[in-house]
Amino acid sequence: MRATKTTVISIIAIGLLAGSSVAVAAQEEEAAAEPSTPAKVTGTINTETGDLVEEPTETVVDGMLEVRDGAFTGERFEMDDARLSGTGTVAFNVDVHPVNDFEDVVLEVVDFRIDNDDGSWAGRGTMFVHNGAEIPEEEAINLMTLPLTGSGAYEGLSAYLIIDGSEDQPIVEGVIYAGEMPPFPELPAE
C-alpha cells in the first residue's frame, strides 16, 4: 500500500514537473514573440549620405553663435534591427557657447524622423557637445538622446536612442519597446 502511494505521488510529481516545464517553455516562446519584449538595438549613421535641405540662419548674440531653422535629410541609419534602419530627416537649432578661442560648448535641439518601407519613427531630442583643440579627444563629449514614437507598422512602439557623434560614423545604441515613455512627474509643492 505504501509503495503504491509513493508510486502515485511520484507519477503526479513527474506529471506536474513535465507540465510546468512545458508551460515554462511555452511562456518563453510567447515572451520572445511578444512585441512588448524590449529589444536592444545598435548601429551607425552614415552621415555622408545626408543633404542640407534648409539653410540655417546664423546670428551672434553676446558672443554666442545661434544657428536656427536648419534641416537635412538622407542620412542612413544602419541598425541591427531593420525596424530602425532607414533614412533620417532632422530639423535643428543650435547654440554654440565659446569657452575660449579653442573650446566650445554646443547645445542642440532637433525634431527628428526615420523613415523606411514599413513605417516611421518621430520625436524630439537634445544634443550636448563639448570639444575643442584644448580638450583631449578621449575627453570630448558628443552625445544626443532621442526618444521616438513609431507609426505605420511600428504603431504602439517607442524607441529610445543614444547617439555618440564622436566617431566619423556616429554610433547608435538604444532600445525598442512597447508603449510610451513614462509621464514627467510634478515637483512637490514647496
N, C-alpha and C. Protein backbone atom coordinates (compact mmCIF):
# COMPACT_ATOMS: atom_id res chain seq x y z
N MET A 1 0.82 -1.19 0.00
CA MET A 1 0.00 0.00 0.00
C MET A 1 0.87 1.25 0.00
N ARG A 2 1.87 1.24 0.90
CA ARG A 2 2.76 2.39 0.98
C ARG A 2 3.51 2.55 -0.34
N ALA A 3 3.96 1.46 -0.97
CA ALA A 3 4.68 1.51 -2.24
C ALA A 3 3.79 2.08 -3.34
N THR A 4 2.51 1.68 -3.35
CA THR A 4 1.57 2.19 -4.35
C THR A 4 1.36 3.68 -4.17
N LYS A 5 1.21 4.13 -2.92
CA LYS A 5 1.01 5.54 -2.62
C LYS A 5 2.23 6.35 -3.05
N THR A 6 3.43 5.86 -2.79
CA THR A 6 4.66 6.55 -3.17
C THR A 6 4.77 6.61 -4.69
N THR A 7 4.40 5.51 -5.37
CA THR A 7 4.45 5.48 -6.84
C THR A 7 3.47 6.49 -7.43
N VAL A 8 2.26 6.57 -6.89
CA VAL A 8 1.25 7.52 -7.38
C VAL A 8 1.74 8.95 -7.16
N ILE A 9 2.30 9.23 -5.99
CA ILE A 9 2.82 10.58 -5.69
C ILE A 9 3.95 10.91 -6.66
N SER A 10 4.82 9.93 -6.92
CA SER A 10 5.93 10.14 -7.86
C SER A 10 5.41 10.44 -9.26
N ILE A 11 4.40 9.69 -9.70
CA ILE A 11 3.82 9.91 -11.03
C ILE A 11 3.19 11.29 -11.10
N ILE A 12 2.48 11.69 -10.07
CA ILE A 12 1.86 13.02 -10.03
C ILE A 12 2.94 14.10 -10.07
N ALA A 13 4.00 13.91 -9.26
CA ALA A 13 5.09 14.88 -9.22
C ALA A 13 5.77 14.99 -10.58
N ILE A 14 6.05 13.87 -11.23
CA ILE A 14 6.67 13.89 -12.56
C ILE A 14 5.75 14.57 -13.55
N GLY A 15 4.47 14.26 -13.47
CA GLY A 15 3.49 14.90 -14.36
C GLY A 15 3.45 16.40 -14.16
N LEU A 16 3.48 16.85 -12.90
CA LEU A 16 3.47 18.28 -12.61
C LEU A 16 4.74 18.95 -13.12
N LEU A 17 5.88 18.30 -12.89
CA LEU A 17 7.14 18.86 -13.38
C LEU A 17 7.16 18.94 -14.90
N ALA A 18 6.73 17.88 -15.55
CA ALA A 18 6.70 17.88 -17.01
C ALA A 18 5.75 18.96 -17.52
N GLY A 19 4.60 19.06 -16.89
CA GLY A 19 3.62 20.07 -17.29
C GLY A 19 4.15 21.47 -17.08
N SER A 20 4.86 21.70 -15.95
CA SER A 20 5.37 23.03 -15.69
C SER A 20 6.51 23.38 -16.63
N SER A 21 7.35 22.41 -17.01
CA SER A 21 8.43 22.72 -17.95
C SER A 21 7.86 23.02 -19.33
N VAL A 22 6.79 22.34 -19.73
CA VAL A 22 6.12 22.66 -20.99
C VAL A 22 5.52 24.06 -20.92
N ALA A 23 4.89 24.37 -19.79
CA ALA A 23 4.29 25.70 -19.62
C ALA A 23 5.37 26.77 -19.63
N VAL A 24 6.51 26.53 -18.97
CA VAL A 24 7.61 27.50 -18.95
C VAL A 24 8.15 27.68 -20.36
N ALA A 25 8.34 26.59 -21.10
CA ALA A 25 8.83 26.69 -22.48
C ALA A 25 7.85 27.48 -23.34
N ALA A 26 6.57 27.24 -23.16
CA ALA A 26 5.55 27.97 -23.92
C ALA A 26 5.57 29.45 -23.56
N GLN A 27 5.75 29.76 -22.27
CA GLN A 27 5.81 31.17 -21.84
C GLN A 27 7.05 31.85 -22.42
N GLU A 28 8.19 31.14 -22.45
CA GLU A 28 9.40 31.73 -23.01
C GLU A 28 9.23 32.01 -24.49
N GLU A 29 8.62 31.06 -25.25
CA GLU A 29 8.37 31.29 -26.67
C GLU A 29 7.43 32.46 -26.86
N GLU A 30 6.39 32.53 -26.04
CA GLU A 30 5.41 33.62 -26.13
C GLU A 30 6.08 34.96 -25.84
N ALA A 31 6.97 35.01 -24.82
CA ALA A 31 7.66 36.25 -24.48
C ALA A 31 8.58 36.69 -25.61
N ALA A 32 9.26 35.73 -26.25
CA ALA A 32 10.15 36.08 -27.35
C ALA A 32 9.37 36.64 -28.53
N ALA A 33 8.16 36.15 -28.74
CA ALA A 33 7.35 36.60 -29.86
C ALA A 33 6.55 37.86 -29.51
N GLU A 34 6.46 38.19 -28.23
CA GLU A 34 5.69 39.35 -27.78
C GLU A 34 6.32 40.64 -28.27
N PRO A 35 5.55 41.53 -28.87
CA PRO A 35 6.11 42.82 -29.24
C PRO A 35 6.43 43.67 -28.01
N SER A 36 5.92 43.28 -26.84
CA SER A 36 6.17 44.06 -25.64
C SER A 36 7.54 43.77 -25.03
N THR A 37 8.24 42.75 -25.54
CA THR A 37 9.57 42.45 -25.04
C THR A 37 10.55 43.48 -25.59
N PRO A 38 11.22 44.27 -24.73
CA PRO A 38 12.16 45.27 -25.24
C PRO A 38 13.28 44.61 -26.05
N ALA A 39 13.70 45.30 -27.11
CA ALA A 39 14.77 44.80 -27.98
C ALA A 39 15.89 45.83 -28.03
N LYS A 40 17.09 45.43 -27.60
CA LYS A 40 18.24 46.31 -27.67
C LYS A 40 18.63 46.47 -29.13
N VAL A 41 19.03 47.69 -29.51
CA VAL A 41 19.43 47.97 -30.89
C VAL A 41 20.78 48.69 -30.89
N THR A 42 21.57 48.43 -31.91
CA THR A 42 22.83 49.13 -32.12
C THR A 42 23.00 49.37 -33.61
N GLY A 43 23.84 50.33 -33.93
CA GLY A 43 24.11 50.60 -35.34
C GLY A 43 24.93 51.86 -35.51
N THR A 44 24.94 52.36 -36.74
CA THR A 44 25.68 53.58 -37.08
C THR A 44 24.82 54.46 -37.97
N ILE A 45 25.26 55.70 -38.13
CA ILE A 45 24.62 56.63 -39.04
C ILE A 45 25.63 56.98 -40.12
N ASN A 46 25.25 56.79 -41.38
CA ASN A 46 26.11 57.17 -42.49
C ASN A 46 25.83 58.64 -42.79
N THR A 47 26.66 59.53 -42.26
CA THR A 47 26.44 60.97 -42.42
C THR A 47 26.86 61.48 -43.79
N GLU A 48 27.56 60.68 -44.58
CA GLU A 48 27.98 61.11 -45.91
C GLU A 48 26.82 61.12 -46.90
N THR A 49 25.71 60.46 -46.56
CA THR A 49 24.58 60.40 -47.49
C THR A 49 23.59 61.56 -47.29
N GLY A 50 23.76 62.38 -46.26
CA GLY A 50 22.80 63.44 -45.97
C GLY A 50 23.00 64.69 -46.80
N ASP A 51 21.92 65.41 -47.03
CA ASP A 51 21.95 66.68 -47.76
C ASP A 51 21.24 67.75 -46.95
N LEU A 52 21.83 68.95 -46.92
CA LEU A 52 21.19 70.09 -46.29
C LEU A 52 20.03 70.53 -47.17
N VAL A 53 18.82 70.58 -46.59
CA VAL A 53 17.65 70.97 -47.37
C VAL A 53 17.08 72.31 -46.93
N GLU A 54 17.46 72.78 -45.75
CA GLU A 54 17.08 74.11 -45.27
C GLU A 54 18.34 74.77 -44.71
N GLU A 55 18.79 75.81 -45.38
CA GLU A 55 19.97 76.54 -44.92
C GLU A 55 19.61 77.30 -43.64
N PRO A 56 20.34 77.07 -42.55
CA PRO A 56 20.02 77.76 -41.29
C PRO A 56 20.50 79.21 -41.32
N THR A 57 19.90 80.02 -40.48
CA THR A 57 20.40 81.38 -40.28
C THR A 57 21.38 81.35 -39.10
N GLU A 58 22.37 82.22 -39.15
CA GLU A 58 23.37 82.29 -38.09
C GLU A 58 23.45 83.72 -37.58
N THR A 59 23.37 83.86 -36.27
CA THR A 59 23.43 85.16 -35.62
C THR A 59 24.33 85.05 -34.40
N VAL A 60 25.16 86.06 -34.17
CA VAL A 60 25.97 86.09 -32.96
C VAL A 60 25.30 87.03 -31.97
N VAL A 61 24.99 86.50 -30.79
CA VAL A 61 24.33 87.27 -29.73
C VAL A 61 25.19 87.16 -28.47
N ASP A 62 25.73 88.29 -28.02
CA ASP A 62 26.59 88.32 -26.83
C ASP A 62 27.71 87.28 -26.90
N GLY A 63 28.32 87.14 -28.08
CA GLY A 63 29.43 86.22 -28.26
C GLY A 63 29.03 84.77 -28.52
N MET A 64 27.74 84.47 -28.41
CA MET A 64 27.26 83.11 -28.65
C MET A 64 26.68 83.02 -30.07
N LEU A 65 27.04 81.96 -30.80
CA LEU A 65 26.51 81.75 -32.14
C LEU A 65 25.18 81.01 -32.05
N GLU A 66 24.12 81.62 -32.61
CA GLU A 66 22.81 80.97 -32.70
C GLU A 66 22.60 80.51 -34.14
N VAL A 67 22.37 79.22 -34.31
CA VAL A 67 22.07 78.64 -35.62
C VAL A 67 20.61 78.20 -35.56
N ARG A 68 19.79 78.72 -36.47
CA ARG A 68 18.36 78.47 -36.39
C ARG A 68 17.77 77.96 -37.70
N ASP A 69 16.79 77.05 -37.53
CA ASP A 69 15.92 76.58 -38.61
C ASP A 69 16.66 75.90 -39.76
N GLY A 70 17.63 75.08 -39.43
CA GLY A 70 18.30 74.27 -40.43
C GLY A 70 17.63 72.91 -40.53
N ALA A 71 17.82 72.22 -41.65
CA ALA A 71 17.27 70.88 -41.82
C ALA A 71 18.10 70.13 -42.84
N PHE A 72 18.25 68.84 -42.61
CA PHE A 72 18.87 67.97 -43.61
C PHE A 72 18.15 66.64 -43.63
N THR A 73 18.33 65.93 -44.73
CA THR A 73 17.69 64.63 -44.90
C THR A 73 18.62 63.70 -45.66
N GLY A 74 18.37 62.41 -45.55
CA GLY A 74 19.10 61.44 -46.33
C GLY A 74 20.14 60.64 -45.59
N GLU A 75 20.43 60.99 -44.33
CA GLU A 75 21.39 60.18 -43.59
C GLU A 75 20.81 58.79 -43.37
N ARG A 76 21.63 57.78 -43.56
CA ARG A 76 21.17 56.40 -43.45
C ARG A 76 21.46 55.84 -42.07
N PHE A 77 20.39 55.41 -41.39
CA PHE A 77 20.54 54.66 -40.15
C PHE A 77 20.72 53.20 -40.54
N GLU A 78 21.86 52.64 -40.19
CA GLU A 78 22.17 51.25 -40.50
C GLU A 78 22.22 50.50 -39.17
N MET A 79 21.05 49.94 -38.80
CA MET A 79 20.88 49.35 -37.48
C MET A 79 20.80 47.83 -37.57
N ASP A 80 21.10 47.16 -36.45
CA ASP A 80 20.98 45.70 -36.42
C ASP A 80 19.54 45.24 -36.33
N ASP A 81 18.60 46.15 -36.12
CA ASP A 81 17.17 45.86 -36.13
C ASP A 81 16.56 46.64 -37.29
N ALA A 82 16.07 45.94 -38.29
CA ALA A 82 15.58 46.58 -39.52
C ALA A 82 14.48 47.61 -39.25
N ARG A 83 13.78 47.47 -38.13
CA ARG A 83 12.70 48.43 -37.84
C ARG A 83 13.24 49.85 -37.70
N LEU A 84 14.49 50.01 -37.26
CA LEU A 84 15.06 51.35 -37.09
C LEU A 84 16.04 51.72 -38.19
N SER A 85 16.23 50.86 -39.17
CA SER A 85 17.06 51.22 -40.32
C SER A 85 16.22 52.08 -41.25
N GLY A 86 16.84 53.05 -41.89
CA GLY A 86 16.10 53.89 -42.82
C GLY A 86 16.77 55.23 -43.02
N THR A 87 16.00 56.15 -43.59
CA THR A 87 16.50 57.48 -43.92
C THR A 87 16.10 58.47 -42.83
N GLY A 88 17.08 59.20 -42.34
CA GLY A 88 16.82 60.19 -41.30
C GLY A 88 16.58 61.57 -41.88
N THR A 89 15.65 62.30 -41.27
CA THR A 89 15.39 63.70 -41.58
C THR A 89 15.39 64.46 -40.27
N VAL A 90 16.08 65.60 -40.22
CA VAL A 90 16.19 66.34 -38.97
C VAL A 90 16.11 67.84 -39.23
N ALA A 91 15.36 68.52 -38.38
CA ALA A 91 15.36 69.98 -38.31
C ALA A 91 16.08 70.33 -37.01
N PHE A 92 16.90 71.40 -37.02
CA PHE A 92 17.73 71.66 -35.86
C PHE A 92 17.89 73.14 -35.55
N ASN A 93 18.10 73.42 -34.28
CA ASN A 93 18.53 74.72 -33.76
C ASN A 93 19.72 74.46 -32.84
N VAL A 94 20.74 75.31 -32.94
CA VAL A 94 21.98 75.10 -32.20
C VAL A 94 22.44 76.41 -31.56
N ASP A 95 22.96 76.31 -30.35
CA ASP A 95 23.67 77.41 -29.69
C ASP A 95 25.10 76.96 -29.44
N VAL A 96 26.06 77.78 -29.90
CA VAL A 96 27.48 77.48 -29.70
C VAL A 96 28.02 78.50 -28.71
N HIS A 97 28.36 78.03 -27.49
CA HIS A 97 28.89 78.88 -26.43
C HIS A 97 30.40 78.74 -26.42
N PRO A 98 31.14 79.79 -26.79
CA PRO A 98 32.59 79.68 -26.72
C PRO A 98 33.07 79.74 -25.27
N VAL A 99 33.94 78.81 -24.91
CA VAL A 99 34.56 78.82 -23.60
C VAL A 99 35.82 79.68 -23.67
N ASN A 100 36.58 79.49 -24.74
CA ASN A 100 37.75 80.32 -25.07
C ASN A 100 37.98 80.18 -26.57
N ASP A 101 39.12 80.65 -27.07
CA ASP A 101 39.38 80.60 -28.51
C ASP A 101 39.49 79.18 -29.05
N PHE A 102 39.68 78.19 -28.18
CA PHE A 102 39.94 76.82 -28.64
C PHE A 102 38.95 75.79 -28.10
N GLU A 103 37.87 76.25 -27.48
CA GLU A 103 36.96 75.31 -26.82
C GLU A 103 35.53 75.84 -26.90
N ASP A 104 34.58 74.94 -27.19
CA ASP A 104 33.17 75.31 -27.30
C ASP A 104 32.29 74.34 -26.52
N VAL A 105 31.14 74.86 -26.07
CA VAL A 105 30.05 74.03 -25.58
C VAL A 105 28.90 74.26 -26.55
N VAL A 106 28.38 73.16 -27.11
CA VAL A 106 27.33 73.25 -28.12
C VAL A 106 26.08 72.56 -27.58
N LEU A 107 24.94 73.25 -27.66
CA LEU A 107 23.64 72.69 -27.27
C LEU A 107 22.75 72.70 -28.51
N GLU A 108 22.13 71.57 -28.77
CA GLU A 108 21.30 71.44 -29.97
C GLU A 108 19.98 70.77 -29.62
N VAL A 109 18.92 71.24 -30.24
CA VAL A 109 17.62 70.57 -30.15
C VAL A 109 17.22 70.19 -31.56
N VAL A 110 16.58 69.01 -31.69
CA VAL A 110 16.23 68.51 -33.02
C VAL A 110 14.79 68.00 -33.03
N ASP A 111 14.18 68.11 -34.18
CA ASP A 111 12.92 67.43 -34.49
C ASP A 111 13.33 66.37 -35.51
N PHE A 112 13.04 65.10 -35.25
CA PHE A 112 13.71 64.02 -35.94
C PHE A 112 12.73 62.98 -36.46
N ARG A 113 13.06 62.37 -37.61
CA ARG A 113 12.25 61.28 -38.15
C ARG A 113 13.14 60.29 -38.89
N ILE A 114 12.84 59.00 -38.73
CA ILE A 114 13.46 57.94 -39.51
C ILE A 114 12.35 57.26 -40.30
N ASP A 115 12.53 57.14 -41.62
CA ASP A 115 11.52 56.52 -42.50
C ASP A 115 12.10 55.27 -43.16
N ASN A 116 11.26 54.23 -43.27
CA ASN A 116 11.60 53.07 -44.09
C ASN A 116 10.31 52.56 -44.73
N ASP A 117 10.38 51.46 -45.45
CA ASP A 117 9.22 50.96 -46.20
C ASP A 117 8.03 50.57 -45.33
N ASP A 118 8.27 50.22 -44.07
CA ASP A 118 7.20 49.73 -43.21
C ASP A 118 6.58 50.79 -42.30
N GLY A 119 7.24 51.91 -42.12
CA GLY A 119 6.71 52.94 -41.23
C GLY A 119 7.75 53.99 -40.93
N SER A 120 7.54 54.70 -39.82
CA SER A 120 8.47 55.75 -39.44
C SER A 120 8.54 55.88 -37.92
N TRP A 121 9.54 56.61 -37.48
CA TRP A 121 9.77 56.93 -36.07
C TRP A 121 9.98 58.43 -36.00
N ALA A 122 9.33 59.11 -35.07
CA ALA A 122 9.47 60.56 -34.97
C ALA A 122 9.60 60.96 -33.50
N GLY A 123 10.34 62.04 -33.27
CA GLY A 123 10.48 62.56 -31.91
C GLY A 123 11.39 63.77 -31.88
N ARG A 124 11.56 64.27 -30.69
CA ARG A 124 12.44 65.42 -30.45
C ARG A 124 13.54 65.02 -29.50
N GLY A 125 14.74 65.52 -29.76
CA GLY A 125 15.87 65.14 -28.93
C GLY A 125 16.77 66.31 -28.63
N THR A 126 17.77 66.05 -27.82
CA THR A 126 18.75 67.07 -27.44
C THR A 126 20.16 66.52 -27.63
N MET A 127 21.08 67.45 -27.89
CA MET A 127 22.48 67.07 -28.06
C MET A 127 23.34 68.01 -27.24
N PHE A 128 24.41 67.46 -26.67
CA PHE A 128 25.40 68.22 -25.93
C PHE A 128 26.77 67.87 -26.48
N VAL A 129 27.53 68.89 -26.88
CA VAL A 129 28.87 68.70 -27.41
C VAL A 129 29.81 69.61 -26.63
N HIS A 130 30.90 69.06 -26.16
CA HIS A 130 31.97 69.83 -25.52
C HIS A 130 33.26 69.38 -26.16
N ASN A 131 33.84 70.26 -26.99
CA ASN A 131 35.06 69.88 -27.69
C ASN A 131 35.91 71.10 -27.98
N GLY A 132 37.06 70.86 -28.53
CA GLY A 132 37.96 71.94 -28.91
C GLY A 132 39.39 71.45 -28.93
N ALA A 133 40.25 72.33 -29.43
CA ALA A 133 41.66 71.98 -29.58
C ALA A 133 42.34 71.69 -28.25
N GLU A 134 41.86 72.31 -27.17
CA GLU A 134 42.48 72.12 -25.86
C GLU A 134 41.94 70.91 -25.10
N ILE A 135 40.93 70.24 -25.64
CA ILE A 135 40.33 69.09 -24.96
C ILE A 135 40.84 67.82 -25.63
N PRO A 136 41.49 66.93 -24.88
CA PRO A 136 41.92 65.66 -25.49
C PRO A 136 40.72 64.92 -26.10
N GLU A 137 40.95 64.27 -27.22
CA GLU A 137 39.87 63.59 -27.95
C GLU A 137 39.07 62.65 -27.06
N GLU A 138 39.76 61.92 -26.17
CA GLU A 138 39.07 60.96 -25.31
C GLU A 138 38.23 61.64 -24.23
N GLU A 139 38.40 62.93 -24.01
CA GLU A 139 37.60 63.66 -23.02
C GLU A 139 36.49 64.48 -23.65
N ALA A 140 36.49 64.62 -24.98
CA ALA A 140 35.44 65.37 -25.66
C ALA A 140 34.12 64.63 -25.53
N ILE A 141 33.02 65.38 -25.53
CA ILE A 141 31.68 64.81 -25.42
C ILE A 141 30.88 65.20 -26.65
N ASN A 142 30.16 64.23 -27.23
CA ASN A 142 29.28 64.50 -28.36
C ASN A 142 28.14 63.49 -28.29
N LEU A 143 27.11 63.78 -27.49
CA LEU A 143 26.03 62.83 -27.24
C LEU A 143 24.66 63.43 -27.53
N MET A 144 23.80 62.63 -28.15
CA MET A 144 22.41 63.02 -28.38
C MET A 144 21.51 61.96 -27.76
N THR A 145 20.43 62.41 -27.13
CA THR A 145 19.39 61.48 -26.67
C THR A 145 18.16 61.74 -27.53
N LEU A 146 17.52 60.65 -27.93
CA LEU A 146 16.45 60.76 -28.91
C LEU A 146 15.33 59.77 -28.61
N PRO A 147 14.26 60.20 -27.92
CA PRO A 147 13.08 59.33 -27.76
C PRO A 147 12.20 59.44 -29.01
N LEU A 148 11.76 58.30 -29.54
CA LEU A 148 10.99 58.27 -30.78
C LEU A 148 9.70 57.47 -30.59
N THR A 149 8.67 57.86 -31.34
CA THR A 149 7.39 57.16 -31.35
C THR A 149 7.17 56.57 -32.74
N GLY A 150 6.79 55.29 -32.79
CA GLY A 150 6.61 54.61 -34.06
C GLY A 150 5.24 54.84 -34.68
N SER A 151 5.18 54.76 -36.02
CA SER A 151 3.91 54.80 -36.73
C SER A 151 3.98 53.82 -37.90
N GLY A 152 2.86 53.59 -38.56
CA GLY A 152 2.80 52.56 -39.59
C GLY A 152 2.89 51.19 -38.93
N ALA A 153 3.78 50.35 -39.40
CA ALA A 153 3.96 49.01 -38.81
C ALA A 153 4.50 49.08 -37.38
N TYR A 154 4.99 50.24 -36.97
CA TYR A 154 5.58 50.40 -35.64
C TYR A 154 4.64 51.10 -34.66
N GLU A 155 3.38 51.23 -35.04
CA GLU A 155 2.37 51.84 -34.17
C GLU A 155 2.36 51.11 -32.83
N GLY A 156 2.34 51.86 -31.73
CA GLY A 156 2.32 51.27 -30.39
C GLY A 156 3.70 50.98 -29.83
N LEU A 157 4.75 51.23 -30.64
CA LEU A 157 6.13 51.03 -30.18
C LEU A 157 6.82 52.37 -30.00
N SER A 158 7.81 52.38 -29.14
CA SER A 158 8.67 53.54 -28.95
C SER A 158 10.12 53.08 -29.01
N ALA A 159 11.00 54.03 -29.23
CA ALA A 159 12.43 53.75 -29.22
C ALA A 159 13.11 54.85 -28.43
N TYR A 160 14.17 54.49 -27.75
CA TYR A 160 14.99 55.48 -27.05
C TYR A 160 16.42 55.25 -27.51
N LEU A 161 17.01 56.26 -28.15
CA LEU A 161 18.35 56.12 -28.72
C LEU A 161 19.32 57.08 -28.07
N ILE A 162 20.55 56.63 -27.92
CA ILE A 162 21.67 57.48 -27.52
C ILE A 162 22.66 57.42 -28.66
N ILE A 163 23.01 58.59 -29.19
CA ILE A 163 23.89 58.67 -30.35
C ILE A 163 25.20 59.31 -29.93
N ASP A 164 26.30 58.59 -30.13
CA ASP A 164 27.64 59.10 -29.85
C ASP A 164 28.20 59.62 -31.16
N GLY A 165 28.26 60.94 -31.29
CA GLY A 165 28.71 61.56 -32.52
C GLY A 165 30.21 61.79 -32.59
N SER A 166 30.97 61.22 -31.68
CA SER A 166 32.42 61.46 -31.67
C SER A 166 33.16 60.70 -32.75
N GLU A 167 32.51 59.75 -33.41
CA GLU A 167 33.13 58.98 -34.50
C GLU A 167 32.70 59.55 -35.85
N ASP A 168 33.45 59.23 -36.93
CA ASP A 168 33.07 59.68 -38.27
C ASP A 168 31.68 59.20 -38.64
N GLN A 169 31.39 57.94 -38.32
CA GLN A 169 30.03 57.43 -38.44
C GLN A 169 29.49 57.30 -37.02
N PRO A 170 28.58 58.21 -36.60
CA PRO A 170 28.07 58.16 -35.24
C PRO A 170 27.55 56.78 -34.86
N ILE A 171 27.79 56.40 -33.61
CA ILE A 171 27.37 55.10 -33.09
C ILE A 171 26.04 55.28 -32.36
N VAL A 172 25.09 54.39 -32.64
CA VAL A 172 23.75 54.46 -32.06
C VAL A 172 23.53 53.23 -31.18
N GLU A 173 23.04 53.45 -29.96
CA GLU A 173 22.62 52.36 -29.08
C GLU A 173 21.29 52.74 -28.47
N GLY A 174 20.46 51.75 -28.22
CA GLY A 174 19.17 52.05 -27.61
C GLY A 174 18.30 50.83 -27.47
N VAL A 175 16.99 51.09 -27.42
CA VAL A 175 16.02 50.03 -27.20
C VAL A 175 14.71 50.37 -27.91
N ILE A 176 14.05 49.34 -28.42
CA ILE A 176 12.67 49.46 -28.94
C ILE A 176 11.79 48.76 -27.92
N TYR A 177 10.68 49.39 -27.54
CA TYR A 177 9.80 48.81 -26.52
C TYR A 177 8.36 49.18 -26.82
N ALA A 178 7.43 48.41 -26.27
CA ALA A 178 6.00 48.68 -26.43
C ALA A 178 5.58 49.79 -25.48
N GLY A 179 4.70 50.66 -25.94
CA GLY A 179 4.18 51.72 -25.09
C GLY A 179 4.92 53.02 -25.29
N GLU A 180 4.80 53.88 -24.28
CA GLU A 180 5.37 55.22 -24.34
C GLU A 180 6.32 55.44 -23.17
N MET A 181 7.05 56.55 -23.23
CA MET A 181 7.87 56.96 -22.10
C MET A 181 6.92 57.26 -20.93
N PRO A 182 7.39 57.08 -19.70
CA PRO A 182 6.53 57.45 -18.58
C PRO A 182 6.30 58.96 -18.58
N PRO A 183 5.19 59.39 -18.03
CA PRO A 183 4.94 60.84 -18.00
C PRO A 183 5.90 61.53 -17.03
N PHE A 184 6.18 62.79 -17.30
CA PHE A 184 7.01 63.56 -16.40
C PHE A 184 6.26 63.80 -15.10
N PRO A 185 6.93 63.67 -13.96
CA PRO A 185 6.26 63.91 -12.68
C PRO A 185 6.18 65.40 -12.37
N GLU A 186 5.33 65.72 -11.44
CA GLU A 186 5.24 67.09 -10.94
C GLU A 186 6.15 67.21 -9.72
N LEU A 187 6.86 68.34 -9.62
CA LEU A 187 7.66 68.57 -8.43
C LEU A 187 6.74 68.81 -7.23
N PRO A 188 7.13 68.36 -6.04
CA PRO A 188 6.30 68.63 -4.88
C PRO A 188 6.24 70.13 -4.59
N ALA A 189 5.12 70.56 -4.06
CA ALA A 189 4.97 71.97 -3.69
C ALA A 189 5.94 72.32 -2.57
N GLU A 190 6.44 73.52 -2.64
CA GLU A 190 7.39 73.96 -1.59
C GLU A 190 6.68 74.43 -0.37
